[in-house]
């Protein structure tokens, strides 16, 4: 018997949601094509994401190249550290993700094991491809970035980006000016990312080319109270904290204000985006009882992160799968690009009141320094300014040489300085969404089978906002003017920006089933009574209930139903 995954993939291919890419040439693992319905559904999910981050939060969207020069990824750490553990079977030559093989055989925490320990653990395990043991093979790191060169015959390296975030970081100084040099501000980007996965065998869950939707929110390092926290303060979200995982306990519903107050969630910003992600996922059609937010354990959290949570959904085939990562990344990214580029990645924060401070300054006597140090006098003066002189002089370092400058070459002064503000390097809060995984999760959680009139009815119970086709217009017969009326209704609905499909092929019952299977929430049937009283039958997908409704009022009705302003039950 096929499991739910096989049924969904079969439906998705047959109905035009997702296809193997370049199928006529045998296709390649880790790549997919979105068919007509899948591409439309994906755009709907992306636009729901835009609603939360662009419309609700007011973060503008940018678009950066998918190829970046090497310096970007040297700074970000991807060139050196973006790698997975790989092993090659010594018998069949097949490559495998080593930690996945170990975990599939019941070995826990394989992802954080050393290469040596993982090699030893795999020694007696069998290759999934040929069933021979891995004895004699060694685990090693494989960098996941696709490498290229920029320009013909060029030695200038480039990489397909492994995430969308770096373009936002490298644009920070221009974004800061766009946002009028004020914190906090956020910027978002949706686009393709690329990772040369070792052995992707999980369909849409693990792709080599995938779509990310990321937000980078830049905040003052000392101000981590979210200005709109009240929006989600009382929202209860299923959390699996570090303590819950260590004690082998289940997820627990907790309000965001309690999560922050108890210290389980690091700050209001992280809590806000946990709640907003929960809101987004339920809006898209993820089952509330199949979602949780798991806190990263200390040994899996990046060393620079203050806190990190994964939004995970439960899949019948894959178990708990990460959909979204939400992290407080501190100033790691901006600091890394500042060091690599030499540009400042800071914000000037003006004080409410000017501060006066007394400080000791070492002021060089340039008239004396010039004759003694000649062309190095300016460098000596700069080094003196940050030195700590003693009675015998000031020790400085110049071009690797330690020099003691006698007291007669400088003067130590006590001065009072007015300070109007300070330069700070912002911290970054990052919610990072995997759109393809979310789309698969919506497919799986929306899929249903039921017996109706002695036959199986397949239904995708998409929310109307996600459904690739929102309304199907069906003439009972494609003659006697019923088809003309149906086409005119389709045109009226399209003018209201309702995605509508006209279908006159086959018996009306079969057409209902066809629309149910692709998740169309509403169907409008034109019959012979329509010619008499100007009404049509409106059918709701999930309940299969029907009402008669006036054609002139139909666009307003369907618009209210699709946008959730009213429920179908109100019209029964």
Protein backbone atom coordinates (compact mmCIF):
# COMPACT_ATOMS: atom_id res chain seq x y z
CA UNK A 1 0.00 0.00 0.00
CA UNK A 2 1.43 3.41 -0.93
CA UNK A 3 1.91 5.79 1.99
CA UNK A 4 0.69 9.39 2.02
CA UNK A 5 3.94 10.68 0.49
CA UNK A 6 3.60 8.43 -2.55
CA UNK A 7 -0.05 9.45 -2.97
CA UNK A 8 0.79 13.16 -2.76
CA UNK A 9 3.69 12.95 -5.21
CA UNK A 10 1.56 10.94 -7.66
CA UNK A 11 -1.23 13.53 -7.41
CA UNK A 12 1.24 16.41 -7.67
CA UNK A 13 2.76 15.02 -10.87
CA UNK A 14 -0.56 14.05 -12.46
CA UNK A 15 -2.27 17.36 -11.73
CA UNK A 16 0.63 19.68 -12.56
CA UNK A 17 1.98 20.77 -9.19
CA UNK A 18 5.53 19.36 -9.24
CA UNK A 19 7.44 17.42 -11.92
CA UNK A 20 10.94 15.88 -12.14
CA UNK A 21 13.16 18.36 -13.97
CA UNK A 22 14.41 17.48 -17.51
CA UNK A 23 12.48 14.22 -17.23
CA UNK A 24 13.08 13.36 -20.90
CA UNK A 25 16.80 13.03 -20.07
CA UNK A 26 16.31 11.00 -16.92
CA UNK A 27 16.12 13.96 -14.49
CA UNK A 28 18.66 14.80 -11.77
CA UNK A 29 18.11 14.33 -8.03
CA UNK A 30 17.76 17.56 -6.07
CA UNK A 31 16.04 19.57 -8.82
CA UNK A 32 12.32 19.95 -9.53
CA UNK A 33 10.05 21.77 -11.95
CA UNK A 34 6.91 23.49 -10.72
CA UNK A 35 4.00 22.83 -13.04
CA UNK A 36 1.17 25.33 -13.71
CA UNK A 37 -0.62 24.71 -10.41
CA UNK A 38 2.56 24.35 -8.34
CA UNK A 39 4.06 27.59 -9.63
CA UNK A 40 0.84 29.45 -8.86
CA UNK A 41 0.58 27.93 -5.39
CA UNK A 42 4.20 28.82 -4.67
CA UNK A 43 3.57 32.47 -5.58
CA UNK A 44 0.55 32.48 -3.27
CA UNK A 45 2.69 31.25 -0.35
CA UNK A 46 5.38 33.82 -1.16
CA UNK A 47 2.80 36.60 -1.22
CA UNK A 48 1.37 35.51 2.14
CA UNK A 49 4.95 35.75 3.47
CA UNK A 50 5.20 39.23 1.93
CA UNK A 51 2.00 40.21 3.69
CA UNK A 52 3.51 39.43 7.09
CA UNK A 53 6.93 40.98 6.51
CA UNK A 54 6.40 43.72 3.92
CA UNK A 55 2.81 44.87 4.56
CA UNK A 56 2.45 44.14 8.29
CA UNK A 57 6.01 44.82 9.48
CA UNK A 58 6.92 47.41 6.83
CA UNK A 59 10.21 45.83 5.73
CA UNK A 60 11.10 46.64 2.12
CA UNK A 61 12.17 43.88 -0.26
CA UNK A 62 15.39 43.92 -2.29
CA UNK A 63 16.77 41.60 -4.95
CA UNK A 64 20.46 40.67 -5.24
CA UNK A 65 22.41 38.49 -7.73
CA UNK A 66 22.47 34.75 -7.17
CA UNK A 67 26.20 34.69 -8.00
CA UNK A 68 28.60 36.37 -5.58
CA UNK A 69 32.32 36.97 -5.67
CA UNK A 70 34.56 34.94 -3.38
CA UNK A 71 35.20 37.77 -0.89
CA UNK A 72 31.55 37.67 0.21
CA UNK A 73 31.78 34.02 1.20
CA UNK A 74 35.25 34.32 2.69
CA UNK A 75 33.78 36.89 5.08
CA UNK A 76 30.63 34.88 5.80
CA UNK A 77 32.63 31.72 6.53
CA UNK A 78 31.03 29.65 3.77
CA UNK A 79 34.29 29.03 1.87
CA UNK A 80 35.96 27.56 4.93
CA UNK A 81 33.12 26.03 6.90
CA UNK A 82 30.03 25.37 4.76
CA UNK A 83 30.43 21.63 4.42
CA UNK A 84 28.72 18.33 5.16
CA UNK A 85 30.31 15.04 6.16
CA UNK A 86 30.57 12.67 3.20
CA UNK A 87 31.61 9.08 2.73
CA UNK A 88 32.15 7.13 -0.48
CA UNK A 89 31.33 3.44 -0.54
CA UNK A 90 34.57 1.54 -1.29
CA UNK A 91 32.62 -1.08 -3.24
CA UNK A 92 30.09 0.67 -5.50
CA UNK A 93 31.59 4.18 -5.41
CA UNK A 94 28.30 5.83 -4.38
CA UNK A 95 28.57 9.01 -2.27
CA UNK A 96 26.49 9.38 0.89
CA UNK A 97 25.86 12.01 3.55
CA UNK A 98 27.67 10.26 6.42
CA UNK A 99 25.62 11.62 9.32
CA UNK A 100 22.36 10.69 7.57
CA UNK A 101 23.53 7.08 7.10
CA UNK A 102 24.45 6.95 10.79
CA UNK A 103 21.14 8.44 11.95
CA UNK A 104 19.18 6.06 9.70
CA UNK A 105 20.89 3.26 11.61
CA UNK A 106 19.98 4.61 15.04
CA UNK A 107 23.20 6.50 15.84
CA UNK A 108 22.22 9.73 17.64
CA UNK A 109 23.91 13.13 17.30
CA UNK A 110 25.85 11.99 14.23
CA UNK A 111 25.85 15.54 12.85
CA UNK A 112 28.10 16.78 15.65
CA UNK A 113 30.45 13.75 15.78
CA UNK A 114 34.08 14.18 14.73
CA UNK A 115 35.23 12.77 11.40
CA UNK A 116 37.20 10.06 13.19
CA UNK A 117 34.32 9.00 15.43
CA UNK A 118 31.87 8.98 12.53
CA UNK A 119 34.28 6.90 10.40
CA UNK A 120 34.50 4.36 13.20
CA UNK A 121 30.71 4.35 13.68
CA UNK A 122 30.08 3.66 9.98
CA UNK A 123 32.74 0.96 9.61
CA UNK A 124 30.35 -1.99 10.04
CA UNK A 125 27.26 -0.35 8.56
CA UNK A 126 26.10 -1.21 5.05
CA UNK A 127 25.89 1.06 2.02
CA UNK A 128 22.25 1.90 1.12
CA UNK A 129 23.12 1.47 -2.57
CA UNK A 130 24.92 -1.90 -2.64
CA UNK A 131 24.52 -3.33 0.92
CA UNK A 132 28.29 -3.80 1.34
CA UNK A 133 30.00 -2.39 4.46
CA UNK A 134 31.80 0.95 4.62
CA UNK A 135 34.91 -0.73 6.07
CA UNK A 136 37.99 0.95 4.61
CA UNK A 137 36.24 4.26 3.76
CA UNK A 138 36.84 7.55 5.59
CA UNK A 139 34.45 10.37 6.32
CA UNK A 140 35.55 13.78 5.02
CA UNK A 141 34.13 17.26 4.52
CA UNK A 142 32.52 18.28 1.23
CA UNK A 143 31.85 21.99 0.60
CA UNK A 144 28.26 22.47 -0.54
CA UNK A 145 28.71 25.62 -2.62
CA UNK A 146 28.60 25.54 -6.43
CA UNK A 147 31.79 27.25 -7.64
CA UNK A 148 32.21 29.19 -10.88
CA UNK A 149 34.47 31.83 -12.39
CA UNK A 150 33.43 35.38 -13.24
CA UNK A 151 34.42 36.58 -16.71
CA UNK A 152 36.05 34.70 -19.61
CA UNK A 153 39.42 33.24 -18.73
CA UNK A 154 39.18 34.90 -15.35
CA UNK A 155 40.78 33.65 -12.21
CA UNK A 156 38.19 35.55 -10.19
CA UNK A 157 36.20 32.97 -8.30
CA UNK A 158 32.51 33.18 -7.75
CA UNK A 159 29.88 31.03 -6.07
CA UNK A 160 26.18 30.42 -6.48
CA UNK A 161 24.80 31.81 -3.26
CA UNK A 162 23.98 29.22 -0.56
CA UNK A 163 21.55 31.65 1.11
CA UNK A 164 19.90 34.98 0.29
CA UNK A 165 21.08 36.76 3.45
CA UNK A 166 24.57 37.86 2.37
CA UNK A 167 23.30 40.32 -0.23
CA UNK A 168 21.36 42.12 2.49
CA UNK A 169 24.44 42.28 4.72
CA UNK A 170 26.73 43.64 1.97
CA UNK A 171 24.08 46.28 1.16
CA UNK A 172 23.84 47.32 4.82
CA UNK A 173 25.35 50.80 4.49
CA UNK A 174 23.04 51.75 1.60
CA UNK A 175 20.05 50.26 3.40
CA UNK A 176 20.96 52.28 6.50
CA UNK A 177 20.80 55.50 4.48
CA UNK A 178 17.52 54.38 2.88
CA UNK A 179 16.04 53.93 6.37
CA UNK A 180 17.30 57.42 7.35
CA UNK A 181 20.11 56.17 9.60
CA UNK A 182 17.71 54.90 12.26
CA UNK A 183 17.36 51.59 14.06
CA UNK A 184 15.55 49.26 14.07
CA UNK A 185 14.92 48.45 10.42
CA UNK A 186 14.49 45.30 8.40
CA UNK A 187 14.98 44.14 4.83
CA UNK A 188 13.68 41.01 3.12
CA UNK A 189 14.57 38.97 0.08
CA UNK A 190 12.94 36.03 -1.69
CA UNK A 191 14.94 34.12 -4.25
CA UNK A 192 16.89 31.08 -5.33
CA UNK A 193 19.71 29.59 -3.28
CA UNK A 194 21.95 26.68 -4.21
CA UNK A 195 23.58 23.88 -2.24
CA UNK A 196 25.37 20.99 -3.89
CA UNK A 197 23.82 18.36 -1.65
CA UNK A 198 25.72 15.08 -1.47
CA UNK A 199 22.84 12.64 -1.97
CA UNK A 200 19.41 14.30 -1.93
CA UNK A 201 16.81 11.55 -1.64
CA UNK A 202 13.99 13.40 0.12
CA UNK A 203 12.16 14.97 -2.80
CA UNK A 204 11.11 18.55 -2.07
CA UNK A 205 12.59 18.41 1.43
CA UNK A 206 16.21 18.47 0.24
CA UNK A 207 16.93 20.28 -3.02
CA UNK A 208 20.08 21.53 -4.70
CA UNK A 209 18.22 24.60 -5.98
CA UNK A 210 15.56 25.99 -3.69
CA UNK A 211 13.71 29.17 -2.79
CA UNK A 212 14.42 31.01 0.44
CA UNK A 213 12.54 33.88 2.00
CA UNK A 214 14.69 35.67 4.56
CA UNK A 215 14.32 38.76 6.69
CA UNK A 216 17.26 40.50 8.33
CA UNK A 217 16.16 42.83 11.13
CA UNK A 218 18.87 45.21 12.36
CA UNK A 219 18.45 46.33 15.96
CA UNK A 220 20.38 48.20 18.64
CA UNK A 221 22.40 45.62 20.61
CA UNK A 222 21.03 46.97 23.91
CA UNK A 223 17.40 47.42 22.81
CA UNK A 224 15.75 44.04 22.24
CA UNK A 225 12.18 44.94 23.16
CA UNK A 226 10.13 44.65 19.96
CA UNK A 227 8.01 47.80 19.35
CA UNK A 228 5.00 45.71 18.22
CA UNK A 229 5.41 42.84 20.68
CA UNK A 230 1.87 43.32 22.00
CA UNK A 231 0.58 41.95 18.67
CA UNK A 232 1.80 38.47 19.60
CA UNK A 233 2.47 38.67 23.35
CA UNK A 234 -0.52 36.49 24.25
CA UNK A 235 -0.22 34.07 21.33
CA UNK A 236 0.38 30.52 22.51
CA UNK A 237 2.88 28.51 20.49
CA UNK A 238 4.06 24.87 20.92
CA UNK A 239 7.64 25.15 22.19
CA UNK A 240 10.21 22.40 22.66
CA UNK A 241 12.87 24.08 24.78
CA UNK A 242 16.38 22.90 25.58
CA UNK A 243 15.17 21.65 28.97
CA UNK A 244 12.28 19.75 27.36
CA UNK A 245 14.68 18.00 25.00
CA UNK A 246 17.16 17.14 27.74
CA UNK A 247 14.36 15.74 29.91
CA UNK A 248 12.77 13.84 26.98
CA UNK A 249 9.55 15.82 27.39
CA UNK A 250 7.00 16.83 24.76
CA UNK A 251 6.35 20.29 23.33
CA UNK A 252 4.42 22.69 25.55
CA UNK A 253 2.02 25.47 24.62
CA UNK A 254 3.34 28.78 25.96
CA UNK A 255 2.50 32.42 25.40
CA UNK A 256 5.26 34.58 24.00
CA UNK A 257 5.24 36.94 26.97
CA UNK A 258 5.69 33.97 29.33
CA UNK A 259 8.44 32.57 27.13
CA UNK A 260 10.42 35.80 27.39
CA UNK A 261 9.65 36.39 31.09
CA UNK A 262 10.82 32.88 31.99
CA UNK A 263 14.05 33.24 30.03
CA UNK A 264 13.24 30.32 27.71
CA UNK A 265 13.19 32.73 24.75
CA UNK A 266 16.11 35.15 24.70
CA UNK A 267 14.23 38.36 23.91
CA UNK A 268 11.06 39.89 22.49
CA UNK A 269 12.40 39.99 18.93
CA UNK A 270 13.00 36.24 18.81
CA UNK A 271 9.60 35.63 20.47
CA UNK A 272 7.84 37.96 18.02
CA UNK A 273 9.17 36.08 14.99
CA UNK A 274 8.43 32.69 16.52
CA UNK A 275 4.80 33.79 16.90
CA UNK A 276 4.66 35.43 13.49
CA UNK A 277 6.06 32.28 11.87
CA UNK A 278 3.40 30.24 13.68
CA UNK A 279 0.75 32.64 12.36
CA UNK A 280 2.14 32.38 8.82
CA UNK A 281 2.30 28.58 8.83
CA UNK A 282 -1.28 28.16 10.02
CA UNK A 283 -2.44 30.74 7.48
CA UNK A 284 -0.82 28.66 4.72
CA UNK A 285 -2.59 25.48 5.83
CA UNK A 286 -0.11 23.72 8.13
CA UNK A 287 -1.96 21.56 10.68
CA UNK A 288 -1.78 23.18 14.16
CA UNK A 289 -1.20 19.78 15.81
CA UNK A 290 1.74 19.02 13.49
CA UNK A 291 3.95 22.03 14.15
CA UNK A 292 6.42 22.83 16.91
CA UNK A 293 9.27 25.25 17.60
CA UNK A 294 12.40 23.45 18.72
CA UNK A 295 15.18 25.38 20.45
CA UNK A 296 18.71 24.62 19.30
CA UNK A 297 20.74 22.70 21.84
CA UNK A 298 23.99 24.36 22.99
CA UNK A 299 26.15 22.01 20.92
CA UNK A 300 24.23 22.64 17.67
CA UNK A 301 23.72 26.40 18.00
CA UNK A 302 26.22 28.60 16.16
CA UNK A 303 28.82 30.02 18.54
CA UNK A 304 27.82 33.61 17.74
CA UNK A 305 24.05 33.11 18.17
CA UNK A 306 22.30 34.19 21.37
CA UNK A 307 19.25 32.04 20.68
CA UNK A 308 17.95 29.94 17.79
CA UNK A 309 14.66 28.11 17.16
CA UNK A 310 13.55 25.88 14.29
CA UNK A 311 9.93 25.79 13.19
CA UNK A 312 9.38 22.10 12.44
CA UNK A 313 6.42 20.26 10.92
CA UNK A 314 5.62 16.58 11.28
CA UNK A 315 5.64 14.59 8.04
CA UNK A 316 4.31 11.05 7.79
CA UNK A 317 7.33 10.08 5.68
CA UNK A 318 10.15 12.22 7.09
CA UNK A 319 9.21 12.81 10.75
CA UNK A 320 9.95 16.27 12.18
CA UNK A 321 11.41 18.51 9.47
CA UNK A 322 12.78 22.04 9.78
CA UNK A 323 10.83 24.63 7.79
CA UNK A 324 12.06 27.92 9.28
CA UNK A 325 15.05 29.00 11.36
CA UNK A 326 14.75 31.99 13.70
CA UNK A 327 18.00 33.25 15.21
CA UNK A 328 19.52 36.16 17.09
CA UNK A 329 22.82 36.28 15.17
CA UNK A 330 24.29 39.19 17.23
CA UNK A 331 26.71 41.33 15.14
CA UNK A 332 28.58 38.35 13.65
CA UNK A 333 27.69 38.97 9.99
CA UNK A 334 28.25 42.72 9.93
CA UNK A 335 31.49 42.36 11.88
CA UNK A 336 32.76 39.72 9.44
CA UNK A 337 32.06 41.90 6.39
CA UNK A 338 33.54 44.95 8.10
CA UNK A 339 36.81 43.08 8.65
CA UNK A 340 36.90 41.62 5.13
CA UNK A 341 35.93 44.81 3.25
CA UNK A 342 37.40 47.52 5.48
CA UNK A 343 34.09 49.42 5.36
CA UNK A 344 32.30 50.48 8.54
CA UNK A 345 29.09 48.58 9.26
CA UNK A 346 27.97 50.80 12.10
CA UNK A 347 25.20 53.23 12.97
CA UNK A 348 25.67 56.57 14.72
CA UNK A 349 23.25 56.74 17.65
CA UNK A 350 22.72 60.29 18.90
CA UNK A 351 22.25 60.74 22.64
CA UNK A 352 19.19 62.50 24.00
CA UNK A 353 21.54 64.78 25.91
CA UNK A 354 25.14 65.70 25.19
CA UNK A 355 27.59 63.98 27.53
CA UNK A 356 30.72 65.63 28.89
CA UNK A 357 33.61 63.40 29.78
CA UNK A 358 37.11 64.08 31.02
CA UNK A 359 39.81 62.00 29.44
CA UNK A 360 43.57 61.84 29.19
CA UNK A 361 45.02 62.51 25.75
CA UNK A 362 48.53 62.03 24.49
CA UNK A 363 49.32 64.90 22.09
CA UNK A 364 52.43 64.57 19.94
CA UNK A 365 54.91 67.45 19.57
CA UNK A 366 55.14 67.39 15.78
CA UNK A 367 57.90 70.01 15.76
CA UNK A 368 60.10 67.57 17.66
CA UNK A 369 58.87 64.38 16.02
CA UNK A 370 59.48 65.57 12.45
CA UNK A 371 63.26 65.95 12.57
CA UNK A 372 63.70 62.70 14.53
CA UNK A 373 61.30 60.32 12.80
CA UNK A 374 60.99 62.09 9.42
CA UNK A 375 58.52 60.26 7.10
CA UNK A 376 57.31 58.10 9.98
CA UNK A 377 56.38 61.06 12.21
CA UNK A 378 52.65 60.89 11.40
CA UNK A 379 52.51 57.15 12.17
CA UNK A 380 54.36 57.73 15.45
CA UNK A 381 51.90 60.49 16.41
CA UNK A 382 48.92 58.22 15.69
CA UNK A 383 50.43 55.44 17.79
CA UNK A 384 51.15 57.86 20.63
CA UNK A 385 47.49 58.96 20.67
CA UNK A 386 46.39 55.47 21.73
CA UNK A 387 49.36 54.64 23.97
CA UNK A 388 49.66 54.60 27.76
CA UNK A 389 52.85 56.55 28.62
CA UNK A 390 54.92 55.96 31.76
CA UNK A 391 57.47 58.22 33.43
CA UNK A 392 60.18 56.91 31.13
CA UNK A 393 58.26 57.41 27.91
CA UNK A 394 55.61 55.78 25.72
CA UNK A 395 56.12 52.34 24.20
CA UNK A 396 54.57 51.99 20.74
CA UNK A 397 54.73 49.43 17.94
CA UNK A 398 55.50 50.59 14.42
CA UNK A 399 55.76 48.18 11.48
CA UNK A 400 56.32 45.34 13.92
CA UNK A 401 59.09 47.24 15.74
CA UNK A 402 58.70 48.30 19.37
CA UNK A 403 59.84 51.88 19.98
CA UNK A 404 60.05 53.88 23.22
CA UNK A 405 59.29 57.56 22.57
CA UNK A 406 60.84 59.89 25.21
CA UNK A 407 58.51 62.25 27.16
CA UNK A 408 59.85 65.38 25.45
CA UNK A 409 58.19 64.31 22.18
CA UNK A 410 54.64 64.44 23.51
CA UNK A 411 52.42 66.05 26.13
CA UNK A 412 49.82 64.35 28.34
CA UNK A 413 46.73 66.52 28.77
CA UNK A 414 43.49 66.26 30.73
CA UNK A 415 40.70 67.49 28.44
CA UNK A 416 36.91 67.72 28.65
CA UNK A 417 35.11 66.43 25.58
CA UNK A 418 31.49 66.76 24.49
CA UNK A 419 30.03 63.53 23.08
CA UNK A 420 26.79 63.71 21.11
CA UNK A 421 26.45 60.00 20.41
CA UNK A 422 28.23 56.78 19.65
CA UNK A 423 28.76 54.33 16.79
CA UNK A 424 27.27 50.89 17.34
CA UNK A 425 27.29 47.76 15.22
CA UNK A 426 23.71 46.44 15.11
CA UNK A 427 22.65 42.94 16.05
CA UNK A 428 20.68 40.91 13.52
CA UNK A 429 17.51 38.89 14.04
CA UNK A 430 16.99 36.45 11.16
CA UNK A 431 13.86 34.45 10.31
CA UNK A 432 14.81 32.21 7.35
CA UNK A 433 12.06 30.30 5.48
CA UNK A 434 12.39 27.34 3.10
CA UNK A 435 9.50 27.96 0.68
CA UNK A 436 9.72 24.60 -1.12
CA UNK A 437 9.56 22.65 2.13
CA UNK A 438 6.62 24.73 3.30
CA UNK A 439 4.80 24.07 0.03
CA UNK A 440 5.32 20.32 0.44
CA UNK A 441 4.11 20.50 4.05
CA UNK A 442 0.94 22.30 2.94
CA UNK A 443 0.35 19.59 0.31
CA UNK A 444 0.77 16.81 2.87
CA UNK A 445 -1.26 18.42 5.64
CA UNK A 446 -4.05 19.41 3.22
CA UNK A 447 -4.36 15.99 1.57
CA UNK A 448 -7.42 13.93 2.52
CA UNK A 449 -9.24 10.86 1.27
CA UNK A 450 -12.86 9.96 1.96
CA UNK A 451 -15.52 7.66 0.58
CA UNK A 452 -18.35 9.44 -1.25
CA UNK A 453 -21.08 7.48 -3.05
CA UNK A 454 -18.99 4.34 -2.99
CA UNK A 455 -15.80 5.82 -4.45
CA UNK A 456 -12.72 7.53 -3.06
CA UNK A 457 -12.70 11.33 -3.13
CA UNK A 458 -9.22 12.86 -3.04
CA UNK A 459 -9.26 16.38 -1.61
CA UNK A 460 -6.61 19.03 -1.06
CA UNK A 461 -8.13 21.17 1.67
CA UNK A 462 -6.11 24.29 0.90
CA UNK A 463 -7.05 27.59 2.51
CA UNK A 464 -8.60 29.75 -0.26
CA UNK A 465 -5.64 32.15 -0.09
CA UNK A 466 -3.24 29.32 -1.01
CA UNK A 467 -5.34 27.41 -3.57
CA UNK A 468 -3.87 27.80 -7.07
CA UNK A 469 -7.41 27.90 -8.53
CA UNK A 470 -9.89 29.70 -6.31
CA UNK A 471 -13.13 29.25 -8.26
CA UNK A 472 -14.16 26.79 -10.96
CA UNK A 473 -17.01 27.85 -13.27
CA UNK A 474 -18.84 24.84 -14.69
CA UNK A 475 -21.67 24.93 -17.24
CA UNK A 476 -23.95 21.94 -16.78
CA UNK A 477 -23.87 21.51 -20.56
CA UNK A 478 -21.59 23.17 -23.10
CA UNK A 479 -24.58 24.24 -25.19
CA UNK A 480 -27.87 26.12 -25.13
CA UNK A 481 -26.10 29.29 -24.04
CA UNK A 482 -25.02 27.84 -20.67
CA UNK A 483 -21.38 27.97 -21.77
CA UNK A 484 -21.72 31.64 -22.76
CA UNK A 485 -23.16 32.52 -19.34
CA UNK A 486 -20.37 30.56 -17.61
CA UNK A 487 -17.68 32.37 -19.61
CA UNK A 488 -19.18 35.77 -18.76
CA UNK A 489 -19.14 34.83 -15.04
CA UNK A 490 -15.50 33.82 -15.37
CA UNK A 491 -14.68 37.22 -16.86
CA UNK A 492 -16.48 39.07 -14.03
CA UNK A 493 -14.59 37.08 -11.39
CA UNK A 494 -11.26 37.66 -13.12
CA UNK A 495 -11.95 41.40 -13.07
CA UNK A 496 -12.11 41.06 -9.26
CA UNK A 497 -8.67 39.37 -9.34
CA UNK A 498 -10.15 35.98 -8.45
CA UNK A 499 -8.20 33.17 -10.11
CA UNK A 500 -10.91 31.34 -12.03
CA UNK A 501 -10.96 28.24 -14.23
CA UNK A 502 -13.63 27.38 -16.81
CA UNK A 503 -14.27 23.64 -17.23
CA UNK A 504 -16.91 21.98 -19.45
CA UNK A 505 -15.18 18.62 -19.97
CA UNK A 506 -17.05 15.52 -18.77
CA UNK A 507 -19.91 14.86 -16.36
CA UNK A 508 -20.51 17.47 -13.66
CA UNK A 509 -19.70 14.98 -10.88
CA UNK A 510 -16.32 14.20 -12.44
CA UNK A 511 -15.58 17.88 -12.79
CA UNK A 512 -16.33 18.40 -9.08
CA UNK A 513 -13.91 15.58 -8.21
CA UNK A 514 -11.26 17.03 -10.49
CA UNK A 515 -11.50 20.43 -8.78
CA UNK A 516 -11.55 18.83 -5.31
CA UNK A 517 -8.31 17.03 -6.14
CA UNK A 518 -6.49 20.25 -7.06
CA UNK A 519 -7.85 22.05 -4.00
CA UNK A 520 -10.30 24.50 -5.64
CA UNK A 521 -12.36 25.79 -2.68
CA UNK A 522 -15.48 26.92 -4.59
CA UNK A 523 -17.33 25.84 -7.73
CA UNK A 524 -20.04 27.76 -9.58
CA UNK A 525 -22.43 25.67 -11.71
CA UNK A 526 -24.53 27.22 -14.46
CA UNK A 527 -27.68 25.17 -15.22
CA UNK A 528 -30.98 25.65 -17.04
CA UNK A 529 -32.55 27.38 -14.00
CA UNK A 530 -29.88 30.07 -14.42
CA UNK A 531 -31.55 31.18 -17.66
CA UNK A 532 -34.84 31.57 -15.80
CA UNK A 533 -33.88 33.28 -12.51
CA UNK A 534 -30.27 34.50 -13.04
CA UNK A 535 -28.97 32.36 -10.14
CA UNK A 536 -26.22 29.74 -10.01
CA UNK A 537 -25.23 26.91 -7.69
CA UNK A 538 -22.24 27.70 -5.47
CA UNK A 539 -20.56 24.61 -4.02
CA UNK A 540 -18.07 24.55 -1.14
CA UNK A 541 -15.27 22.00 -1.49
CA UNK A 542 -14.83 20.67 2.04
CA UNK A 543 -18.47 20.17 3.03
CA UNK A 544 -19.80 19.72 -0.55
CA UNK A 545 -22.76 21.89 0.57
CA UNK A 546 -24.46 24.02 -2.08
CA UNK A 547 -26.47 27.26 -2.22
CA UNK A 548 -28.26 29.16 -4.98
CA UNK A 549 -27.02 32.70 -5.44
CA UNK A 550 -27.68 35.69 -7.65
CA UNK A 551 -25.10 36.13 -10.44
CA UNK A 552 -24.87 39.91 -9.92
CA UNK A 553 -23.86 39.43 -6.26
CA UNK A 554 -21.53 36.50 -6.97
CA UNK A 555 -18.20 38.42 -7.17
CA UNK A 556 -18.77 40.03 -3.76
CA UNK A 557 -19.76 36.70 -2.20
CA UNK A 558 -16.72 34.84 -3.49
CA UNK A 559 -14.36 37.68 -2.61
CA UNK A 560 -15.62 37.62 1.01
CA UNK A 561 -15.27 33.83 1.19
CA UNK A 562 -11.76 33.78 -0.27
CA UNK A 563 -10.50 36.57 1.97
CA UNK A 564 -12.09 34.97 5.05
CA UNK A 565 -14.40 37.87 5.79
CA UNK A 566 -17.33 35.45 5.88
CA UNK A 567 -17.80 31.68 6.12
CA UNK A 568 -19.86 29.51 3.78
CA UNK A 569 -22.00 28.38 6.71
CA UNK A 570 -23.37 31.91 7.05
CA UNK A 571 -25.15 31.53 3.71
CA UNK A 572 -26.71 28.10 4.27
